[in-house]
Amino acid sequence: MLKMNKFFKLCLAMILVLTIIYLGSLVDFIFRPVLSFFSIILVPLMLSGFFYYLLRPLVDLLEKRKLNRSLAILLLYVVFAGILTGFILGVWPSLRDQIVALVQNAPALFAKLGEQLQELENNGFFQDIFPENANPLTQLTDYLNQGFTFLTNYIMNLFSFVSNFAIVLFTFPILLYYMLKEGGKFGKMVVSFLPDRFKGEGASVLDEINNALKGFIVGRVLVNLALGVLMYIGFLIIGLPYALLLTVVAVIANFIPFIGAILSSIPIVIIGFIQSPGTAIWSLVVILAAQQIQDNLIGPYIFGKQLAIHPITIIILVLVGQDLGGIIGILLIVPIYMIIKIIVTRVYQLFFKEKWQKA
């Protein structure tokens, strides 16, 4: 009888939640201003959260050295401004020249790519792979044209995003400053809402979440920078055109777990193939060698075993994140999964593990 009452209460709670969601969908116009505001502030919040976990260990270290926390944050801002200035003066001119050259030479590159593919077709390379009735050259050309169109549209959307960059530019440093200065108080505020007997567990869960996010973000940055250095050196050795631009694209794409490495390899191999099939093969060798060093040497040393997520789980998470929120969903889905996993695991251990094992 007691079990029936619990089941009835659970069903009633689910019906109540679904009813609230349905009624909320009928008056969605009330929530549109909130959603609009959230969409505007989302990017600054993401950047602030990213740099919060990246810089918080340094701020904590400086504070332990008897430096005022506000002064420590401002000091890091000065250092970051110096790094940004060095990038603008030292790296950006070469990167900008390669971007301009790639855009200007795009028609010639496509023509050269067509010649390379035609030569392979004349040598019978495609006949050994594709059926006789298939025309792989036409199919590959269509795919590449579609890819180039997508890339052009993406760049145009990126430039339209830059028009809203002022919002990010002015809100991001302010949000980050207060997150670094007051971030620890947010966790204490959350714990204060819990019943007294769960406050210890709540504080422990928040510490575990903070450590997991810090390890993930800091580790991902260090691993991607190491990967970028390895790839750039390899590209310079084999003489790959646009080496700096392709390396920057690869480093940024590798923030997308698992799939980013595959996506970033496609333009690298294509540019190498345009120069010569041998360069394409060597560029693929450089990518695979850098990835192996990252996965087997650098990654385990930086991450350890604390962030071990099965590749199949990552693929599913990335697909779900892309479907729900596009590129932002892809970037957020793994940290969200980590947070949910920690909370669910702790709730299971606290409320259900002992009961289910006895049953």
Protein backbone atom coordinates (compact mmCIF):
# COMPACT_ATOMS: atom_id res chain seq x y z
CA MET A 1 0.00 0.00 0.00
CA LEU A 2 2.84 2.33 0.86
CA LYS A 3 4.55 1.58 -2.47
CA MET A 4 1.30 2.32 -4.32
CA ASN A 5 1.04 5.69 -2.56
CA LYS A 6 4.61 6.58 -3.56
CA PHE A 7 3.94 5.54 -7.14
CA PHE A 8 0.74 7.59 -7.21
CA LYS A 9 2.57 10.65 -5.89
CA LEU A 10 5.32 10.22 -8.48
CA CYS A 11 2.79 9.96 -11.31
CA LEU A 12 0.94 13.01 -10.00
CA ALA A 13 4.19 15.00 -9.86
CA MET A 14 5.05 14.03 -13.46
CA ILE A 15 1.56 15.03 -14.64
CA LEU A 16 1.88 18.36 -12.83
CA VAL A 17 5.29 19.06 -14.44
CA LEU A 18 3.98 18.18 -17.93
CA THR A 19 0.93 20.36 -17.36
CA ILE A 20 3.12 23.32 -16.38
CA ILE A 21 5.27 22.80 -19.49
CA TYR A 22 2.16 22.64 -21.72
CA LEU A 23 0.63 25.77 -20.19
CA GLY A 24 3.98 27.54 -20.54
CA SER A 25 4.03 26.68 -24.27
CA LEU A 26 0.65 28.37 -24.70
CA VAL A 27 1.97 31.66 -23.33
CA ASP A 28 5.46 31.45 -24.81
CA PHE A 29 5.27 35.13 -25.83
CA ILE A 30 5.79 35.99 -22.15
CA PHE A 31 9.16 34.23 -22.16
CA ARG A 32 10.43 35.58 -25.50
CA PRO A 33 12.06 38.70 -24.01
CA VAL A 34 13.81 36.49 -21.46
CA LEU A 35 15.00 34.11 -24.20
CA SER A 36 16.12 37.05 -26.34
CA PHE A 37 18.12 38.50 -23.45
CA PHE A 38 19.62 35.08 -22.71
CA SER A 39 20.66 34.61 -26.36
CA ILE A 40 22.44 37.97 -26.29
CA ILE A 41 24.25 37.31 -23.02
CA LEU A 42 25.02 33.63 -23.74
CA VAL A 43 28.29 34.16 -25.62
CA PRO A 44 29.75 36.56 -23.01
CA LEU A 45 28.69 34.11 -20.29
CA MET A 46 30.37 31.21 -22.09
CA LEU A 47 33.59 33.18 -22.55
CA SER A 48 33.49 34.35 -18.94
CA GLY A 49 32.95 30.81 -17.66
CA PHE A 50 35.75 29.50 -19.88
CA PHE A 51 38.29 32.08 -18.70
CA TYR A 52 37.01 31.86 -15.13
CA TYR A 53 38.13 28.24 -14.83
CA LEU A 54 41.27 29.02 -16.82
CA LEU A 55 42.38 31.96 -14.66
CA ARG A 56 40.93 31.09 -11.25
CA PRO A 57 43.91 28.88 -10.25
CA LEU A 58 46.26 31.78 -10.99
CA VAL A 59 44.10 34.23 -9.04
CA ASP A 60 43.96 31.83 -6.08
CA LEU A 61 47.74 31.38 -6.24
CA LEU A 62 48.38 35.15 -6.25
CA GLU A 63 45.93 35.60 -3.39
CA LYS A 64 47.83 33.00 -1.36
CA ARG A 65 50.94 35.08 -1.99
CA LYS A 66 49.27 37.89 0.01
CA LEU A 67 48.15 39.86 -3.04
CA ASN A 68 44.71 41.46 -2.93
CA ARG A 69 42.28 39.45 -5.06
CA SER A 70 41.10 42.47 -7.06
CA LEU A 71 44.70 43.48 -7.77
CA ALA A 72 45.52 39.89 -8.76
CA ILE A 73 42.67 39.92 -11.30
CA LEU A 74 43.76 43.29 -12.70
CA LEU A 75 47.35 42.03 -12.93
CA LEU A 76 46.17 39.03 -14.98
CA TYR A 77 44.17 41.39 -17.17
CA VAL A 78 47.37 43.35 -17.87
CA VAL A 79 49.25 40.13 -18.68
CA PHE A 80 46.43 38.95 -20.94
CA ALA A 81 46.38 42.34 -22.70
CA GLY A 82 50.13 41.98 -23.29
CA ILE A 83 49.68 38.50 -24.76
CA LEU A 84 46.86 39.77 -26.99
CA THR A 85 49.03 42.68 -28.14
CA GLY A 86 51.87 40.27 -28.94
CA PHE A 87 49.47 38.13 -30.97
CA ILE A 88 48.17 41.14 -32.89
CA LEU A 89 51.67 42.42 -33.65
CA GLY A 90 53.49 39.12 -34.14
CA VAL A 91 51.04 36.46 -35.36
CA TRP A 92 48.02 38.23 -36.79
CA PRO A 93 49.79 39.86 -39.81
CA SER A 94 50.95 36.45 -41.10
CA LEU A 95 47.60 34.89 -40.33
CA ARG A 96 45.74 37.73 -42.06
CA ASP A 97 47.98 37.45 -45.15
CA GLN A 98 47.28 33.72 -45.39
CA ILE A 99 43.52 34.28 -45.06
CA VAL A 100 43.58 36.93 -47.81
CA ALA A 101 45.78 34.77 -50.03
CA LEU A 102 43.50 31.76 -49.58
CA VAL A 103 40.39 33.76 -50.48
CA GLN A 104 42.06 35.37 -53.51
CA ASN A 105 43.53 32.09 -54.75
CA ALA A 106 40.35 30.05 -54.18
CA PRO A 107 39.41 29.85 -57.93
CA ALA A 108 42.95 28.79 -58.88
CA LEU A 109 43.01 26.25 -56.04
CA PHE A 110 39.73 24.72 -57.21
CA ALA A 111 41.06 24.56 -60.76
CA LYS A 112 44.24 22.86 -59.54
CA LEU A 113 42.18 20.46 -57.46
CA GLY A 114 40.12 19.57 -60.53
CA GLU A 115 43.31 18.88 -62.47
CA GLN A 116 44.63 16.60 -59.73
CA LEU A 117 41.35 14.68 -59.58
CA GLN A 118 41.21 14.42 -63.37
CA GLU A 119 44.73 13.03 -63.43
CA LEU A 120 43.81 10.39 -60.87
CA GLU A 121 40.74 9.47 -62.90
CA ASN A 122 42.81 9.15 -66.06
CA ASN A 123 45.22 6.85 -64.21
CA GLY A 124 42.35 4.56 -63.28
CA PHE A 125 42.59 5.30 -59.55
CA PHE A 126 38.86 5.82 -59.12
CA GLN A 127 37.92 2.77 -61.19
CA ASP A 128 39.43 0.51 -58.54
CA ILE A 129 37.32 2.12 -55.80
CA PHE A 130 33.99 3.19 -57.32
CA PRO A 131 31.50 1.25 -59.51
CA GLU A 132 31.81 1.54 -63.27
CA ASN A 133 28.68 3.65 -63.74
CA ALA A 134 29.64 6.13 -61.05
CA ASN A 135 31.38 9.39 -61.89
CA PRO A 136 33.48 10.13 -58.79
CA LEU A 137 35.08 13.25 -60.24
CA THR A 138 31.71 14.94 -60.69
CA GLN A 139 30.54 13.79 -57.27
CA LEU A 140 33.68 14.99 -55.53
CA THR A 141 33.52 18.32 -57.33
CA ASP A 142 29.89 18.76 -56.28
CA TYR A 143 30.76 17.93 -52.68
CA LEU A 144 33.65 20.37 -52.67
CA ASN A 145 31.53 23.12 -54.22
CA GLN A 146 28.90 22.54 -51.55
CA GLY A 147 31.60 22.61 -48.91
CA PHE A 148 33.02 25.86 -50.30
CA THR A 149 29.52 27.40 -50.37
CA PHE A 150 28.97 26.33 -46.77
CA LEU A 151 32.34 27.77 -45.78
CA THR A 152 31.55 31.07 -47.52
CA ASN A 153 28.18 31.33 -45.78
CA TYR A 154 29.82 30.45 -42.47
CA ILE A 155 32.40 33.21 -42.91
CA MET A 156 29.65 35.69 -43.80
CA ASN A 157 27.74 34.69 -40.67
CA LEU A 158 30.95 35.09 -38.70
CA PHE A 159 31.36 38.64 -39.98
CA SER A 160 27.74 39.39 -39.09
CA PHE A 161 28.52 38.09 -35.61
CA VAL A 162 31.43 40.52 -35.39
CA SER A 163 28.89 43.33 -35.72
CA ASN A 164 27.62 42.28 -32.28
CA PHE A 165 31.15 41.98 -30.96
CA ALA A 166 30.82 45.24 -29.04
CA ILE A 167 28.37 43.53 -26.67
CA VAL A 168 30.88 40.76 -26.01
CA LEU A 169 33.79 43.18 -25.78
CA PHE A 170 32.21 45.31 -23.07
CA THR A 171 30.31 42.67 -21.07
CA PHE A 172 32.82 39.81 -21.08
CA PRO A 173 35.62 41.51 -19.03
CA ILE A 174 33.10 42.84 -16.50
CA LEU A 175 31.39 39.46 -16.06
CA LEU A 176 34.74 37.72 -15.81
CA TYR A 177 36.00 40.18 -13.20
CA TYR A 178 33.03 39.63 -10.89
CA MET A 179 33.09 35.87 -11.47
CA LEU A 180 36.74 35.74 -10.44
CA LYS A 181 36.15 38.04 -7.50
CA GLU A 182 32.85 36.64 -6.22
CA GLY A 183 32.75 33.16 -7.77
CA GLY A 184 33.27 31.30 -4.51
CA LYS A 185 30.24 32.99 -2.94
CA PHE A 186 27.87 31.52 -5.53
CA GLY A 187 28.59 27.98 -4.35
CA LYS A 188 28.05 28.96 -0.72
CA MET A 189 24.74 30.56 -1.66
CA VAL A 190 23.58 27.38 -3.41
CA VAL A 191 24.58 25.25 -0.43
CA SER A 192 22.74 27.59 1.95
CA PHE A 193 19.41 26.61 0.34
CA LEU A 194 19.95 22.92 1.14
CA PRO A 195 18.74 21.30 4.37
CA ASP A 196 21.37 21.24 7.12
CA ARG A 197 21.94 17.49 6.85
CA PHE A 198 22.77 17.79 3.12
CA LYS A 199 24.96 20.90 3.22
CA GLY A 200 28.15 18.87 3.59
CA GLU A 201 27.25 16.69 0.59
CA GLY A 202 26.19 19.75 -1.39
CA ALA A 203 29.51 21.51 -0.78
CA SER A 204 31.36 18.32 -1.74
CA VAL A 205 29.38 18.02 -5.00
CA LEU A 206 30.09 21.65 -5.91
CA ASP A 207 33.80 21.15 -5.24
CA GLU A 208 33.79 18.05 -7.43
CA ILE A 209 32.01 19.92 -10.24
CA ASN A 210 34.43 22.85 -9.99
CA ASN A 211 37.46 20.56 -10.08
CA ALA A 212 36.05 18.60 -13.02
CA LEU A 213 35.30 21.73 -15.06
CA LYS A 214 38.67 23.27 -14.17
CA GLY A 215 40.49 20.08 -15.18
CA PHE A 216 38.52 19.80 -18.41
CA ILE A 217 38.98 23.42 -19.55
CA VAL A 218 42.59 23.91 -18.49
CA GLY A 219 43.52 20.47 -19.79
CA ARG A 220 41.77 21.04 -23.12
CA VAL A 221 43.58 24.34 -23.64
CA LEU A 222 47.01 22.86 -22.84
CA VAL A 223 46.40 19.77 -24.99
CA ASN A 224 45.18 21.81 -27.97
CA LEU A 225 48.11 24.22 -27.75
CA ALA A 226 50.54 21.30 -27.67
CA LEU A 227 48.75 19.73 -30.63
CA GLY A 228 48.95 23.02 -32.53
CA VAL A 229 52.71 23.30 -31.96
CA LEU A 230 53.29 19.73 -33.14
CA MET A 231 51.12 20.17 -36.25
CA TYR A 232 52.65 23.53 -37.18
CA ILE A 233 56.19 22.16 -36.96
CA GLY A 234 55.17 19.15 -39.07
CA PHE A 235 53.45 21.34 -41.68
CA LEU A 236 56.53 23.54 -41.97
CA ILE A 237 58.73 20.49 -42.46
CA ILE A 238 56.60 19.08 -45.32
CA GLY A 239 56.11 22.55 -46.85
CA LEU A 240 52.31 22.65 -46.56
CA PRO A 241 50.82 25.95 -47.83
CA TYR A 242 48.85 28.10 -45.38
CA ALA A 243 50.43 26.18 -42.50
CA LEU A 244 49.67 28.80 -39.83
CA LEU A 245 46.03 29.27 -40.90
CA LEU A 246 45.37 25.53 -41.06
CA THR A 247 46.99 25.02 -37.66
CA VAL A 248 44.81 27.73 -36.07
CA VAL A 249 41.70 26.15 -37.64
CA ALA A 250 42.76 22.74 -36.31
CA VAL A 251 43.37 24.06 -32.78
CA ILE A 252 39.97 25.78 -32.68
CA ALA A 253 38.16 22.77 -34.18
CA ASN A 254 39.77 20.44 -31.63
CA PHE A 255 37.73 22.12 -28.89
CA ILE A 256 34.89 20.06 -30.38
CA PRO A 257 35.49 16.65 -28.79
CA PHE A 258 36.46 13.76 -31.07
CA ILE A 259 34.68 15.02 -34.21
CA GLY A 260 36.64 18.28 -34.33
CA ALA A 261 39.86 16.42 -35.14
CA ILE A 262 38.20 14.78 -38.14
CA LEU A 263 36.61 17.99 -39.40
CA SER A 264 39.88 19.94 -39.15
CA SER A 265 41.77 17.24 -41.09
CA ILE A 266 39.63 17.62 -44.22
CA PRO A 267 40.82 21.10 -45.35
CA ILE A 268 44.42 20.21 -44.42
CA VAL A 269 44.43 17.12 -46.63
CA ILE A 270 42.66 18.97 -49.46
CA ILE A 271 45.21 21.82 -49.45
CA GLY A 272 48.01 19.23 -49.37
CA PHE A 273 46.40 17.30 -52.25
CA ILE A 274 46.15 20.49 -54.34
CA GLN A 275 49.91 20.86 -54.06
CA SER A 276 50.59 17.17 -54.72
CA PRO A 277 49.23 13.75 -53.68
CA GLY A 278 52.49 13.18 -51.81
CA THR A 279 51.98 16.32 -49.74
CA ALA A 280 48.45 15.17 -48.92
CA ILE A 281 49.79 11.85 -47.65
CA TRP A 282 52.50 13.53 -45.60
CA SER A 283 50.00 16.02 -44.15
CA LEU A 284 47.84 13.08 -43.07
CA VAL A 285 50.90 11.46 -41.50
CA VAL A 286 51.62 14.67 -39.56
CA ILE A 287 48.01 14.83 -38.32
CA LEU A 288 47.98 11.20 -37.22
CA ALA A 289 51.39 11.47 -35.54
CA ALA A 290 50.37 14.64 -33.67
CA GLN A 291 47.07 13.05 -32.62
CA GLN A 292 48.83 9.93 -31.36
CA ILE A 293 51.28 12.01 -29.32
CA GLN A 294 48.36 14.03 -27.95
CA ASP A 295 46.17 11.01 -27.10
CA ASN A 296 48.87 8.70 -25.71
CA LEU A 297 51.44 11.04 -24.13
CA ILE A 298 50.20 14.58 -23.56
CA GLY A 299 46.51 13.90 -22.87
CA PRO A 300 46.93 11.19 -20.19
CA TYR A 301 49.64 13.26 -18.47
CA ILE A 302 47.43 16.36 -18.29
CA PHE A 303 44.00 14.80 -17.76
CA GLY A 304 44.90 11.60 -15.94
CA LYS A 305 41.86 9.35 -15.60
CA GLN A 306 39.48 11.88 -14.10
CA LEU A 307 37.83 12.86 -17.39
CA ALA A 308 37.68 9.48 -19.10
CA ILE A 309 34.60 9.49 -21.36
CA HIS A 310 34.04 6.70 -23.86
CA PRO A 311 34.36 7.83 -27.51
CA ILE A 312 30.88 6.50 -28.33
CA THR A 313 29.46 8.60 -25.50
CA ILE A 314 31.27 11.66 -26.88
CA ILE A 315 29.89 11.07 -30.39
CA ILE A 316 26.33 10.74 -29.05
CA LEU A 317 26.76 13.86 -26.91
CA VAL A 318 28.11 15.89 -29.83
CA LEU A 319 25.22 14.81 -32.08
CA VAL A 320 22.68 15.69 -29.39
CA GLY A 321 24.39 19.04 -28.70
CA GLN A 322 24.44 19.91 -32.41
CA ASP A 323 20.76 19.08 -32.76
CA LEU A 324 19.76 21.10 -29.69
CA GLY A 325 21.99 24.17 -29.99
CA GLY A 326 24.26 24.08 -33.02
CA ILE A 327 27.90 24.95 -32.42
CA ILE A 328 27.14 26.38 -28.96
CA GLY A 329 25.37 23.15 -28.03
CA ILE A 330 28.39 21.13 -29.18
CA LEU A 331 30.74 23.20 -27.03
CA LEU A 332 28.52 23.04 -23.94
CA ILE A 333 27.27 19.45 -24.08
CA VAL A 334 30.32 17.72 -22.59
CA PRO A 335 30.65 20.05 -19.55
CA ILE A 336 26.88 19.76 -18.98
CA TYR A 337 27.15 15.97 -19.19
CA MET A 338 29.96 16.02 -16.63
CA ILE A 339 27.91 18.13 -14.22
CA ILE A 340 24.82 15.93 -14.59
CA LYS A 341 26.89 12.78 -14.19
CA ILE A 342 28.45 14.04 -10.94
CA ILE A 343 25.07 15.08 -9.51
CA VAL A 344 23.29 11.88 -10.53
CA THR A 345 26.11 9.71 -9.16
CA ARG A 346 26.10 11.50 -5.82
CA VAL A 347 22.27 11.39 -5.56
CA TYR A 348 22.34 7.66 -6.33
CA GLN A 349 24.98 7.01 -3.69
CA LEU A 350 23.15 9.13 -1.13
CA PHE A 351 19.55 8.00 -1.57
CA PHE A 352 19.29 4.81 -3.65
CA LYS A 353 22.46 2.71 -3.57
CA GLU A 354 21.98 1.19 -0.14
CA LYS A 355 18.24 0.53 -0.63
CA TRP A 356 18.69 -1.07 -4.07
CA GLN A 357 21.58 -3.27 -2.94
CA LYS A 358 19.51 -4.57 -0.03
CA ALA A 359 16.57 -5.22 -2.31
